[in-house]
């Protein structure tokens, strides 16, 4: 495939918006970059995934540097996630060479669809169920305290799953980290900071593996990296002006739409 300069320019411009959105919702941007690479520019799935996961390092690094103090405050949580996410990402990235293009796209789409429901329908359902239950104020308070506690085992499992998904699909693991943290009553803005910082380390292992296997398009990587670095810095500045519910719905609707497109494409390749 001959890379036209117009393709690289378009990728760079699009990546600015990817960086903005990624910084707002706490994901590396792979959930947009992979479909963009495969559907718009025609890259092979394994190349799209490798390029995407390498570019997400730039997105998350840019956003994290502007929130460094907040990231330091959650360092213990970040380290527990990264401890298992890094090796899992390497394993997932290595496994991509044994899966067909249609399978990779299908796996990616299914994960996105599940997470879209988790971020949109699931909170509404939980709120409805909570109104139906009757309990004393003291028991409610105790429940909140328990749900806020995140055991090391929970963080290890979150890191392991997020890393595996990251390496296998190129979506950087944030798609697992953010919902998992939110499920433990972590405020969404804090969950975003933790996720972005964790992705830097998680993606590095998978990115190195992808580079060694030749699964990275250097021209698209350079173009994308430039765009997401700019966009990530802008997204951090915009974040305080958006409510948690708005961020959650922006993420859920976007992910759900992309998921359906990717699943349909996977079925046509089957």
C-alpha atoms as a PDB file:
ATOM      1  CA  UNK A   1       0.000   0.000   0.000  1.00  0.00           C
ATOM      2  CA  UNK A   2       1.405   3.395  -1.006  1.00  0.00           C
ATOM      3  CA  UNK A   3       1.084   5.981   1.749  1.00  0.00           C
ATOM      4  CA  UNK A   4      -0.116   9.264   0.301  1.00  0.00           C
ATOM      5  CA  UNK A   5       0.780  12.493   2.049  1.00  0.00           C
ATOM      6  CA  UNK A   6      -2.920  13.348   2.203  1.00  0.00           C
ATOM      7  CA  UNK A   7      -3.542  10.188   4.250  1.00  0.00           C
ATOM      8  CA  UNK A   8      -0.888  11.153   6.772  1.00  0.00           C
ATOM      9  CA  UNK A   9      -2.151  14.733   7.013  1.00  0.00           C
ATOM     10  CA  UNK A  10      -5.702  13.501   7.570  1.00  0.00           C
ATOM     11  CA  UNK A  11      -4.468  11.041  10.195  1.00  0.00           C
ATOM     12  CA  UNK A  12      -2.613  13.821  12.002  1.00  0.00           C
ATOM     13  CA  UNK A  13      -5.590  16.185  12.030  1.00  0.00           C
ATOM     14  CA  UNK A  14      -7.973  13.438  13.141  1.00  0.00           C
ATOM     15  CA  UNK A  15      -5.552  12.461  15.898  1.00  0.00           C
ATOM     16  CA  UNK A  16      -5.842  15.902  17.498  1.00  0.00           C
ATOM     17  CA  UNK A  17      -9.517  15.183  18.182  1.00  0.00           C
ATOM     18  CA  UNK A  18      -8.636  11.651  19.273  1.00  0.00           C
ATOM     19  CA  UNK A  19      -6.193  13.099  21.796  1.00  0.00           C
ATOM     20  CA  UNK A  20      -8.770  15.545  23.143  1.00  0.00           C
ATOM     21  CA  UNK A  21     -11.430  12.883  23.568  1.00  0.00           C
ATOM     22  CA  UNK A  22      -9.012  10.343  25.013  1.00  0.00           C
ATOM     23  CA  UNK A  23      -7.778  12.759  27.666  1.00  0.00           C
ATOM     24  CA  UNK A  24     -11.373  13.492  28.655  1.00  0.00           C
ATOM     25  CA  UNK A  25     -12.492   9.885  29.093  1.00  0.00           C
ATOM     26  CA  UNK A  26      -9.247   8.275  30.303  1.00  0.00           C
ATOM     27  CA  UNK A  27      -8.569   5.980  27.370  1.00  0.00           C
ATOM     28  CA  UNK A  28      -5.491   5.849  25.188  1.00  0.00           C
ATOM     29  CA  UNK A  29      -7.404   6.484  21.980  1.00  0.00           C
ATOM     30  CA  UNK A  30      -7.011   3.036  20.499  1.00  0.00           C
ATOM     31  CA  UNK A  31     -10.783   2.571  20.451  1.00  0.00           C
ATOM     32  CA  UNK A  32     -10.846   5.284  17.776  1.00  0.00           C
ATOM     33  CA  UNK A  33      -7.439   4.790  16.159  1.00  0.00           C
ATOM     34  CA  UNK A  34      -7.851   1.095  15.332  1.00  0.00           C
ATOM     35  CA  UNK A  35     -11.150   1.595  13.450  1.00  0.00           C
ATOM     36  CA  UNK A  36      -9.707   4.710  11.796  1.00  0.00           C
ATOM     37  CA  UNK A  37      -6.632   2.840  10.584  1.00  0.00           C
ATOM     38  CA  UNK A  38      -8.546  -0.197   9.334  1.00  0.00           C
ATOM     39  CA  UNK A  39     -11.705   1.400   7.935  1.00  0.00           C
ATOM     40  CA  UNK A  40     -10.376   4.730   6.653  1.00  0.00           C
ATOM     41  CA  UNK A  41      -6.775   3.983   5.687  1.00  0.00           C
ATOM     42  CA  UNK A  42      -6.999   0.252   4.995  1.00  0.00           C
ATOM     43  CA  UNK A  43      -4.207  -0.915   7.286  1.00  0.00           C
ATOM     44  CA  UNK A  44      -4.091  -4.607   8.199  1.00  0.00           C
ATOM     45  CA  UNK A  45      -5.613  -5.255  11.654  1.00  0.00           C
ATOM     46  CA  UNK A  46      -2.319  -6.327  13.246  1.00  0.00           C
ATOM     47  CA  UNK A  47      -0.583  -3.203  11.861  1.00  0.00           C
ATOM     48  CA  UNK A  48      -3.462  -0.997  13.012  1.00  0.00           C
ATOM     49  CA  UNK A  49      -3.311  -2.474  16.512  1.00  0.00           C
ATOM     50  CA  UNK A  50       0.480  -2.180  16.794  1.00  0.00           C
ATOM     51  CA  UNK A  51       0.508   1.401  15.527  1.00  0.00           C
ATOM     52  CA  UNK A  52      -2.414   2.364  17.728  1.00  0.00           C
ATOM     53  CA  UNK A  53      -1.003   0.984  20.959  1.00  0.00           C
ATOM     54  CA  UNK A  54       2.346   2.669  20.290  1.00  0.00           C
ATOM     55  CA  UNK A  55       0.653   6.009  19.592  1.00  0.00           C
ATOM     56  CA  UNK A  56      -1.399   5.812  22.798  1.00  0.00           C
ATOM     57  CA  UNK A  57       1.785   6.269  24.807  1.00  0.00           C
ATOM     58  CA  UNK A  58       1.976   9.798  23.402  1.00  0.00           C
ATOM     59  CA  UNK A  59      -1.689  10.495  24.226  1.00  0.00           C
ATOM     60  CA  UNK A  60      -1.471   9.362  27.814  1.00  0.00           C
ATOM     61  CA  UNK A  61       1.951  10.877  28.445  1.00  0.00           C
ATOM     62  CA  UNK A  62       0.763  14.279  27.261  1.00  0.00           C
ATOM     63  CA  UNK A  63      -2.377  14.157  29.432  1.00  0.00           C
ATOM     64  CA  UNK A  64      -0.598  12.748  32.503  1.00  0.00           C
ATOM     65  CA  UNK A  65       2.136  15.402  32.511  1.00  0.00           C
ATOM     66  CA  UNK A  66      -0.542  18.072  32.872  1.00  0.00           C
ATOM     67  CA  UNK A  67      -2.044  16.167  35.845  1.00  0.00           C
ATOM     68  CA  UNK A  68       1.185  14.974  37.433  1.00  0.00           C
ATOM     69  CA  UNK A  69       0.312  15.943  41.011  1.00  0.00           C
ATOM     70  CA  UNK A  70      -2.985  14.080  40.834  1.00  0.00           C
ATOM     71  CA  UNK A  71      -1.242  11.031  39.381  1.00  0.00           C
ATOM     72  CA  UNK A  72       1.290  11.060  42.233  1.00  0.00           C
ATOM     73  CA  UNK A  73      -1.561  11.032  44.760  1.00  0.00           C
ATOM     74  CA  UNK A  74      -2.788   7.726  43.272  1.00  0.00           C
ATOM     75  CA  UNK A  75       0.639   6.192  42.737  1.00  0.00           C
ATOM     76  CA  UNK A  76      -0.006   3.091  44.859  1.00  0.00           C
ATOM     77  CA  UNK A  77      -3.110   2.210  42.843  1.00  0.00           C
ATOM     78  CA  UNK A  78      -1.303   2.831  39.547  1.00  0.00           C
ATOM     79  CA  UNK A  79       1.628   0.607  40.502  1.00  0.00           C
ATOM     80  CA  UNK A  80      -0.657  -2.269  41.499  1.00  0.00           C
ATOM     81  CA  UNK A  81      -2.453  -2.096  38.147  1.00  0.00           C
ATOM     82  CA  UNK A  82       0.758  -1.844  36.149  1.00  0.00           C
ATOM     83  CA  UNK A  83       2.384  -4.770  37.965  1.00  0.00           C
ATOM     84  CA  UNK A  84       0.153  -7.192  36.054  1.00  0.00           C
ATOM     85  CA  UNK A  85      -0.978  -5.103  33.094  1.00  0.00           C
ATOM     86  CA  UNK A  86       2.534  -4.762  31.636  1.00  0.00           C
ATOM     87  CA  UNK A  87       3.337  -8.487  31.256  1.00  0.00           C
ATOM     88  CA  UNK A  88      -0.249  -9.225  30.193  1.00  0.00           C
ATOM     89  CA  UNK A  89      -0.009  -6.614  27.437  1.00  0.00           C
ATOM     90  CA  UNK A  90       3.171  -8.224  26.104  1.00  0.00           C
ATOM     91  CA  UNK A  91       1.456 -11.632  26.017  1.00  0.00           C
ATOM     92  CA  UNK A  92      -1.627 -10.204  24.290  1.00  0.00           C
ATOM     93  CA  UNK A  93       0.446  -8.380  21.691  1.00  0.00           C
ATOM     94  CA  UNK A  94       2.421 -11.534  20.911  1.00  0.00           C
ATOM     95  CA  UNK A  95      -0.802 -13.518  20.432  1.00  0.00           C
ATOM     96  CA  UNK A  96      -2.073 -11.206  17.671  1.00  0.00           C
ATOM     97  CA  UNK A  97       0.076 -12.983  15.094  1.00  0.00           C
ATOM     98  CA  UNK A  98      -1.907 -16.182  15.635  1.00  0.00           C
ATOM     99  CA  UNK A  99      -5.345 -14.644  15.089  1.00  0.00           C
ATOM    100  CA  UNK A 100      -6.950 -13.812  11.742  1.00  0.00           C
ATOM    101  CA  UNK A 101      -7.834 -10.255  10.788  1.00  0.00           C
ATOM    102  CA  UNK A 102     -11.553 -10.905  11.098  1.00  0.00           C
ATOM    103  CA  UNK A 103     -11.089 -12.441  14.542  1.00  0.00           C
ATOM    104  CA  UNK A 104      -9.131  -9.442  15.811  1.00  0.00           C
ATOM    105  CA  UNK A 105     -11.730  -6.982  14.582  1.00  0.00           C
ATOM    106  CA  UNK A 106     -14.520  -9.115  16.053  1.00  0.00           C
ATOM    107  CA  UNK A 107     -12.837  -9.378  19.449  1.00  0.00           C
ATOM    108  CA  UNK A 108     -12.264  -5.649  19.445  1.00  0.00           C
ATOM    109  CA  UNK A 109     -15.921  -4.942  18.577  1.00  0.00           C
ATOM    110  CA  UNK A 110     -17.319  -7.286  21.233  1.00  0.00           C
ATOM    111  CA  UNK A 111     -15.194  -5.733  23.965  1.00  0.00           C
ATOM    112  CA  UNK A 112     -16.294  -2.265  22.918  1.00  0.00           C
ATOM    113  CA  UNK A 113     -19.967  -3.224  22.908  1.00  0.00           C
ATOM    114  CA  UNK A 114     -19.751  -4.698  26.401  1.00  0.00           C
ATOM    115  CA  UNK A 115     -18.022  -1.621  27.749  1.00  0.00           C
ATOM    116  CA  UNK A 116     -20.521   0.697  26.073  1.00  0.00           C
ATOM    117  CA  UNK A 117     -23.331  -1.026  27.927  1.00  0.00           C
ATOM    118  CA  UNK A 118     -21.305  -0.971  31.132  1.00  0.00           C
ATOM    119  CA  UNK A 119     -20.883   2.789  30.929  1.00  0.00           C
ATOM    120  CA  UNK A 120     -24.398   3.757  29.852  1.00  0.00           C
ATOM    121  CA  UNK A 121     -27.115   1.206  30.596  1.00  0.00           C
ATOM    122  CA  UNK A 122     -25.515  -0.360  33.659  1.00  0.00           C
ATOM    123  CA  UNK A 123     -25.332   2.821  35.832  1.00  0.00           C
ATOM    124  CA  UNK A 124     -28.974   3.590  35.048  1.00  0.00           C
ATOM    125  CA  UNK A 125     -29.963   0.046  36.004  1.00  0.00           C
ATOM    126  CA  UNK A 126     -28.011   0.227  39.253  1.00  0.00           C
ATOM    127  CA  UNK A 127     -29.629   3.521  40.146  1.00  0.00           C
ATOM    128  CA  UNK A 128     -33.070   2.059  39.487  1.00  0.00           C
ATOM    129  CA  UNK A 129     -32.352  -0.988  41.636  1.00  0.00           C
ATOM    130  CA  UNK A 130     -30.967   1.147  44.455  1.00  0.00           C
ATOM    131  CA  UNK A 131     -34.246   3.071  44.619  1.00  0.00           C
ATOM    132  CA  UNK A 132     -36.152  -0.202  44.896  1.00  0.00           C
ATOM    133  CA  UNK A 133     -34.122  -1.459  47.840  1.00  0.00           C
ATOM    134  CA  UNK A 134     -34.853  -0.319  51.385  1.00  0.00           C
ATOM    135  CA  UNK A 135     -32.122  -0.212  53.987  1.00  0.00           C
ATOM    136  CA  UNK A 136     -31.156   1.849  56.994  1.00  0.00           C
ATOM    137  CA  UNK A 137     -28.837   4.845  56.709  1.00  0.00           C
ATOM    138  CA  UNK A 138     -26.169   3.089  58.746  1.00  0.00           C
ATOM    139  CA  UNK A 139     -26.157   0.008  56.532  1.00  0.00           C
ATOM    140  CA  UNK A 140     -25.989   2.225  53.452  1.00  0.00           C
ATOM    141  CA  UNK A 141     -22.994   4.021  54.911  1.00  0.00           C
ATOM    142  CA  UNK A 142     -21.235   0.748  55.658  1.00  0.00           C
ATOM    143  CA  UNK A 143     -21.909  -0.425  52.108  1.00  0.00           C
ATOM    144  CA  UNK A 144     -20.355   2.720  50.654  1.00  0.00           C
ATOM    145  CA  UNK A 145     -17.247   2.250  52.787  1.00  0.00           C
ATOM    146  CA  UNK A 146     -16.893  -1.353  51.645  1.00  0.00           C
ATOM    147  CA  UNK A 147     -17.343  -0.548  47.960  1.00  0.00           C
ATOM    148  CA  UNK A 148     -14.724   2.165  48.127  1.00  0.00           C
ATOM    149  CA  UNK A 149     -12.078  -0.268  49.258  1.00  0.00           C
ATOM    150  CA  UNK A 150     -10.014  -1.687  46.439  1.00  0.00           C
ATOM    151  CA  UNK A 151      -8.115  -4.802  47.388  1.00  0.00           C
ATOM    152  CA  UNK A 152      -4.745  -5.505  45.856  1.00  0.00           C
ATOM    153  CA  UNK A 153      -6.244  -8.617  44.258  1.00  0.00           C
ATOM    154  CA  UNK A 154      -8.908  -6.538  42.539  1.00  0.00           C
ATOM    155  CA  UNK A 155      -6.294  -4.146  41.149  1.00  0.00           C
ATOM    156  CA  UNK A 156      -4.069  -7.021  40.020  1.00  0.00           C
ATOM    157  CA  UNK A 157      -7.007  -8.650  38.209  1.00  0.00           C
ATOM    158  CA  UNK A 158      -7.961  -5.324  36.632  1.00  0.00           C
ATOM    159  CA  UNK A 159      -4.398  -4.802  35.440  1.00  0.00           C
ATOM    160  CA  UNK A 160      -4.137  -8.333  34.083  1.00  0.00           C
ATOM    161  CA  UNK A 161      -7.371  -8.095  32.084  1.00  0.00           C
ATOM    162  CA  UNK A 162      -6.663  -4.562  30.907  1.00  0.00           C
ATOM    163  CA  UNK A 163      -3.160  -5.476  29.773  1.00  0.00           C
ATOM    164  CA  UNK A 164      -4.356  -8.550  27.911  1.00  0.00           C
ATOM    165  CA  UNK A 165      -7.068  -6.585  26.129  1.00  0.00           C
ATOM    166  CA  UNK A 166      -4.563  -3.836  25.378  1.00  0.00           C
ATOM    167  CA  UNK A 167      -2.053  -6.095  23.689  1.00  0.00           C
ATOM    168  CA  UNK A 168      -4.684  -8.147  21.903  1.00  0.00           C
ATOM    169  CA  UNK A 169      -6.871  -5.351  20.551  1.00  0.00           C
ATOM    170  CA  UNK A 170      -4.798  -2.146  20.713  1.00  0.00           C
ATOM    171  CA  UNK A 171      -7.281  -0.292  22.912  1.00  0.00           C
ATOM    172  CA  UNK A 172      -4.722   0.495  25.633  1.00  0.00           C
ATOM    173  CA  UNK A 173      -6.447  -1.127  28.624  1.00  0.00           C
ATOM    174  CA  UNK A 174      -8.175   2.049  29.757  1.00  0.00           C
ATOM    175  CA  UNK A 175     -11.431   0.586  28.534  1.00  0.00           C
ATOM    176  CA  UNK A 176     -11.099  -1.889  31.412  1.00  0.00           C
ATOM    177  CA  UNK A 177      -9.382   0.356  33.961  1.00  0.00           C
ATOM    178  CA  UNK A 178     -11.924   3.197  33.971  1.00  0.00           C
ATOM    179  CA  UNK A 179     -15.113   1.100  34.361  1.00  0.00           C
ATOM    180  CA  UNK A 180     -13.408  -1.101  36.982  1.00  0.00           C
ATOM    181  CA  UNK A 181     -12.385   1.908  39.071  1.00  0.00           C
ATOM    182  CA  UNK A 182     -15.808   3.502  38.705  1.00  0.00           C
ATOM    183  CA  UNK A 183     -17.374   0.255  39.963  1.00  0.00           C
ATOM    184  CA  UNK A 184     -15.447   0.828  43.220  1.00  0.00           C
ATOM    185  CA  UNK A 185     -16.950   4.316  43.541  1.00  0.00           C
ATOM    186  CA  UNK A 186     -13.823   6.129  42.416  1.00  0.00           C
ATOM    187  CA  UNK A 187     -14.792   9.534  41.021  1.00  0.00           C
ATOM    188  CA  UNK A 188     -14.627   9.494  37.246  1.00  0.00           C
ATOM    189  CA  UNK A 189     -12.089  12.330  37.055  1.00  0.00           C
ATOM    190  CA  UNK A 190      -9.753  10.414  39.404  1.00  0.00           C
ATOM    191  CA  UNK A 191     -10.383   7.199  37.463  1.00  0.00           C
ATOM    192  CA  UNK A 192      -9.329   9.012  34.290  1.00  0.00           C
ATOM    193  CA  UNK A 193      -6.048  10.153  35.851  1.00  0.00           C
ATOM    194  CA  UNK A 194      -5.244   6.660  37.180  1.00  0.00           C
ATOM    195  CA  UNK A 195      -6.103   5.076  33.852  1.00  0.00           C
ATOM    196  CA  UNK A 196      -4.018   7.476  31.779  1.00  0.00           C
ATOM    197  CA  UNK A 197      -0.946   7.013  33.977  1.00  0.00           C
ATOM    198  CA  UNK A 198      -1.345   3.221  33.978  1.00  0.00           C
ATOM    199  CA  UNK A 199      -1.652   3.125  30.196  1.00  0.00           C
ATOM    200  CA  UNK A 200       1.788   4.705  29.755  1.00  0.00           C
ATOM    201  CA  UNK A 201       3.440   1.644  31.274  1.00  0.00           C
ATOM    202  CA  UNK A 202       0.940  -0.919  30.004  1.00  0.00           C
ATOM    203  CA  UNK A 203       1.250   0.231  26.406  1.00  0.00           C
ATOM    204  CA  UNK A 204       5.046   0.337  26.500  1.00  0.00           C
ATOM    205  CA  UNK A 205       5.354  -3.437  26.753  1.00  0.00           C
ATOM    206  CA  UNK A 206       2.853  -4.129  23.982  1.00  0.00           C
ATOM    207  CA  UNK A 207       4.360  -1.368  21.840  1.00  0.00           C
ATOM    208  CA  UNK A 208       7.843  -2.839  22.140  1.00  0.00           C
ATOM    209  CA  UNK A 209       6.521  -6.265  21.168  1.00  0.00           C
ATOM    210  CA  UNK A 210       4.660  -4.823  18.166  1.00  0.00           C
ATOM    211  CA  UNK A 211       7.766  -2.973  17.006  1.00  0.00           C
ATOM    212  CA  UNK A 212       9.884  -6.116  17.231  1.00  0.00           C
ATOM    213  CA  UNK A 213       7.322  -8.042  15.168  1.00  0.00           C
ATOM    214  CA  UNK A 214       7.116  -5.265  12.549  1.00  0.00           C
ATOM    215  CA  UNK A 215       3.485  -4.519  13.344  1.00  0.00           C
ATOM    216  CA  UNK A 216       3.881  -0.733  13.404  1.00  0.00           C
ATOM    217  CA  UNK A 217       3.474   1.730  10.532  1.00  0.00           C
ATOM    218  CA  UNK A 218       6.127   4.351  11.276  1.00  0.00           C
ATOM    219  CA  UNK A 219       4.660   7.051   8.962  1.00  0.00           C
ATOM    220  CA  UNK A 220       1.213   6.754  10.554  1.00  0.00           C
ATOM    221  CA  UNK A 221       2.760   6.538  14.014  1.00  0.00           C
ATOM    222  CA  UNK A 222       4.634   9.827  13.581  1.00  0.00           C
ATOM    223  CA  UNK A 223       1.590  11.558  12.125  1.00  0.00           C
ATOM    224  CA  UNK A 224      -0.699  10.263  14.841  1.00  0.00           C
ATOM    225  CA  UNK A 225       1.732  10.945  17.681  1.00  0.00           C
ATOM    226  CA  UNK A 226       1.979  14.602  16.698  1.00  0.00           C
ATOM    227  CA  UNK A 227      -1.795  14.984  16.689  1.00  0.00           C
ATOM    228  CA  UNK A 228      -2.510  13.163  19.953  1.00  0.00           C
ATOM    229  CA  UNK A 229       0.200  15.060  21.836  1.00  0.00           C
ATOM    230  CA  UNK A 230      -1.520  18.313  20.958  1.00  0.00           C
ATOM    231  CA  UNK A 231      -4.993  16.942  21.550  1.00  0.00           C
ATOM    232  CA  UNK A 232      -4.098  15.382  24.895  1.00  0.00           C
ATOM    233  CA  UNK A 233      -2.924  18.729  26.255  1.00  0.00           C
ATOM    234  CA  UNK A 234      -6.150  20.406  25.089  1.00  0.00           C
ATOM    235  CA  UNK A 235      -8.336  17.641  26.549  1.00  0.00           C
ATOM    236  CA  UNK A 236      -6.831  18.028  30.017  1.00  0.00           C
ATOM    237  CA  UNK A 237      -7.657  21.732  29.961  1.00  0.00           C
ATOM    238  CA  UNK A 238     -11.279  21.019  28.984  1.00  0.00           C
ATOM    239  CA  UNK A 239     -11.874  18.202  31.484  1.00  0.00           C
ATOM    240  CA  UNK A 240     -12.795  20.339  34.544  1.00  0.00           C
ATOM    241  CA  UNK A 241     -15.643  21.925  32.600  1.00  0.00           C
ATOM    242  CA  UNK A 242     -17.425  18.630  31.897  1.00  0.00           C
ATOM    243  CA  UNK A 243     -19.584  16.695  34.350  1.00  0.00           C
ATOM    244  CA  UNK A 244     -18.926  13.043  35.182  1.00  0.00           C
ATOM    245  CA  UNK A 245     -22.248  11.926  33.665  1.00  0.00           C
ATOM    246  CA  UNK A 246     -21.541  13.777  30.433  1.00  0.00           C
ATOM    247  CA  UNK A 247     -18.093  12.205  30.139  1.00  0.00           C
ATOM    248  CA  UNK A 248     -19.547   8.745  30.803  1.00  0.00           C
ATOM    249  CA  UNK A 249     -22.237   9.105  28.149  1.00  0.00           C
ATOM    250  CA  UNK A 250     -19.846  10.593  25.601  1.00  0.00           C
ATOM    251  CA  UNK A 251     -17.639   7.573  26.079  1.00  0.00           C
ATOM    252  CA  UNK A 252     -20.440   5.013  26.035  1.00  0.00           C
ATOM    253  CA  UNK A 253     -22.229   6.265  22.939  1.00  0.00           C
ATOM    254  CA  UNK A 254     -19.017   6.644  20.949  1.00  0.00           C
ATOM    255  CA  UNK A 255     -17.771   3.208  21.913  1.00  0.00           C
ATOM    256  CA  UNK A 256     -21.108   1.579  21.131  1.00  0.00           C
ATOM    257  CA  UNK A 257     -21.244   3.091  17.660  1.00  0.00           C
ATOM    258  CA  UNK A 258     -17.722   2.031  16.797  1.00  0.00           C
ATOM    259  CA  UNK A 259     -18.347  -1.444  18.228  1.00  0.00           C
ATOM    260  CA  UNK A 260     -21.262  -2.073  15.907  1.00  0.00           C
ATOM    261  CA  UNK A 261     -19.226  -0.966  12.884  1.00  0.00           C
ATOM    262  CA  UNK A 262     -16.352  -3.243  13.827  1.00  0.00           C
ATOM    263  CA  UNK A 263     -18.587  -6.272  14.468  1.00  0.00           C
ATOM    264  CA  UNK A 264     -20.312  -5.838  11.114  1.00  0.00           C
ATOM    265  CA  UNK A 265     -16.933  -5.619   9.391  1.00  0.00           C
ATOM    266  CA  UNK A 266     -15.739  -8.760  11.183  1.00  0.00           C
ATOM    267  CA  UNK A 267     -18.809 -10.657   9.995  1.00  0.00           C
ATOM    268  CA  UNK A 268     -18.188  -9.617   6.394  1.00  0.00           C
ATOM    269  CA  UNK A 269     -14.598 -10.922   6.642  1.00  0.00           C
ATOM    270  CA  UNK A 270     -15.653 -14.241   8.141  1.00  0.00           C
END
